[in-house]
């Protein structure tokens, strides 16, 4: 599966949660906030390139 497959799985899970909210802005806030936090953790774990 690997990292790419795992990220795709988590993205699909997130999309299902988001779609369940429809156009309810209050409902949408939580899935978006959680996804941003999850992506921030991934971003923070990527090492800086050595130049």
C-alpha atoms as a PDB file:
ATOM      1  CA  UNK A   1       0.000   0.000   0.000  1.00  0.00           C
ATOM      2  CA  UNK A   2       2.645   2.520   0.987  1.00  0.00           C
ATOM      3  CA  UNK A   3       2.426   6.155   1.961  1.00  0.00           C
ATOM      4  CA  UNK A   4       0.596   7.240  -1.198  1.00  0.00           C
ATOM      5  CA  UNK A   5      -2.052   4.560  -0.738  1.00  0.00           C
ATOM      6  CA  UNK A   6      -2.513   5.473   2.906  1.00  0.00           C
ATOM      7  CA  UNK A   7      -2.920   9.152   2.027  1.00  0.00           C
ATOM      8  CA  UNK A   8      -5.467   8.259  -0.647  1.00  0.00           C
ATOM      9  CA  UNK A   9      -7.436   6.157   1.851  1.00  0.00           C
ATOM     10  CA  UNK A  10      -7.498   8.963   4.413  1.00  0.00           C
ATOM     11  CA  UNK A  11      -8.533  11.436   1.707  1.00  0.00           C
ATOM     12  CA  UNK A  12     -11.433   9.186   0.660  1.00  0.00           C
ATOM     13  CA  UNK A  13     -12.549   8.833   4.296  1.00  0.00           C
ATOM     14  CA  UNK A  14     -12.402  12.603   4.733  1.00  0.00           C
ATOM     15  CA  UNK A  15     -14.397  13.177   1.532  1.00  0.00           C
ATOM     16  CA  UNK A  16     -17.168  10.887   2.793  1.00  0.00           C
ATOM     17  CA  UNK A  17     -17.374  12.848   6.062  1.00  0.00           C
ATOM     18  CA  UNK A  18     -17.445  16.135   4.172  1.00  0.00           C
ATOM     19  CA  UNK A  19     -20.079  14.959   1.713  1.00  0.00           C
ATOM     20  CA  UNK A  20     -22.294  13.782   4.576  1.00  0.00           C
ATOM     21  CA  UNK A  21     -22.597  17.436   5.635  1.00  0.00           C
ATOM     22  CA  UNK A  22     -24.067  18.542   2.315  1.00  0.00           C
ATOM     23  CA  UNK A  23     -24.089  22.336   2.287  1.00  0.00           C
ATOM     24  CA  UNK A  24     -24.418  22.745   6.075  1.00  0.00           C
ATOM     25  CA  UNK A  25     -21.626  25.229   6.854  1.00  0.00           C
ATOM     26  CA  UNK A  26     -21.647  24.468  10.580  1.00  0.00           C
ATOM     27  CA  UNK A  27     -21.284  20.734   9.885  1.00  0.00           C
ATOM     28  CA  UNK A  28     -18.540  21.324   7.310  1.00  0.00           C
ATOM     29  CA  UNK A  29     -16.363  23.263   9.728  1.00  0.00           C
ATOM     30  CA  UNK A  30     -15.289  20.208  11.753  1.00  0.00           C
ATOM     31  CA  UNK A  31     -14.175  17.955   8.857  1.00  0.00           C
ATOM     32  CA  UNK A  32     -12.258  20.833   7.250  1.00  0.00           C
ATOM     33  CA  UNK A  33     -10.545  21.756  10.515  1.00  0.00           C
ATOM     34  CA  UNK A  34      -9.614  18.125  11.190  1.00  0.00           C
ATOM     35  CA  UNK A  35      -8.237  17.654   7.662  1.00  0.00           C
ATOM     36  CA  UNK A  36      -6.146  20.818   7.876  1.00  0.00           C
ATOM     37  CA  UNK A  37      -4.675  19.641  11.191  1.00  0.00           C
ATOM     38  CA  UNK A  38      -3.895  16.194   9.740  1.00  0.00           C
ATOM     39  CA  UNK A  39      -2.218  17.693   6.672  1.00  0.00           C
ATOM     40  CA  UNK A  40      -0.223  20.101   8.861  1.00  0.00           C
ATOM     41  CA  UNK A  41       1.174  17.111  10.802  1.00  0.00           C
ATOM     42  CA  UNK A  42       2.224  15.445   7.557  1.00  0.00           C
ATOM     43  CA  UNK A  43       3.799  18.666   6.282  1.00  0.00           C
ATOM     44  CA  UNK A  44       5.671  19.186   9.552  1.00  0.00           C
ATOM     45  CA  UNK A  45       7.089  15.644   9.381  1.00  0.00           C
ATOM     46  CA  UNK A  46       8.675  16.149   5.944  1.00  0.00           C
ATOM     47  CA  UNK A  47      12.353  17.029   6.340  1.00  0.00           C
ATOM     48  CA  UNK A  48      13.685  20.269   4.896  1.00  0.00           C
ATOM     49  CA  UNK A  49      15.773  19.763   1.753  1.00  0.00           C
ATOM     50  CA  UNK A  50      19.522  20.029   2.222  1.00  0.00           C
ATOM     51  CA  UNK A  51      20.984  22.652  -0.070  1.00  0.00           C
END
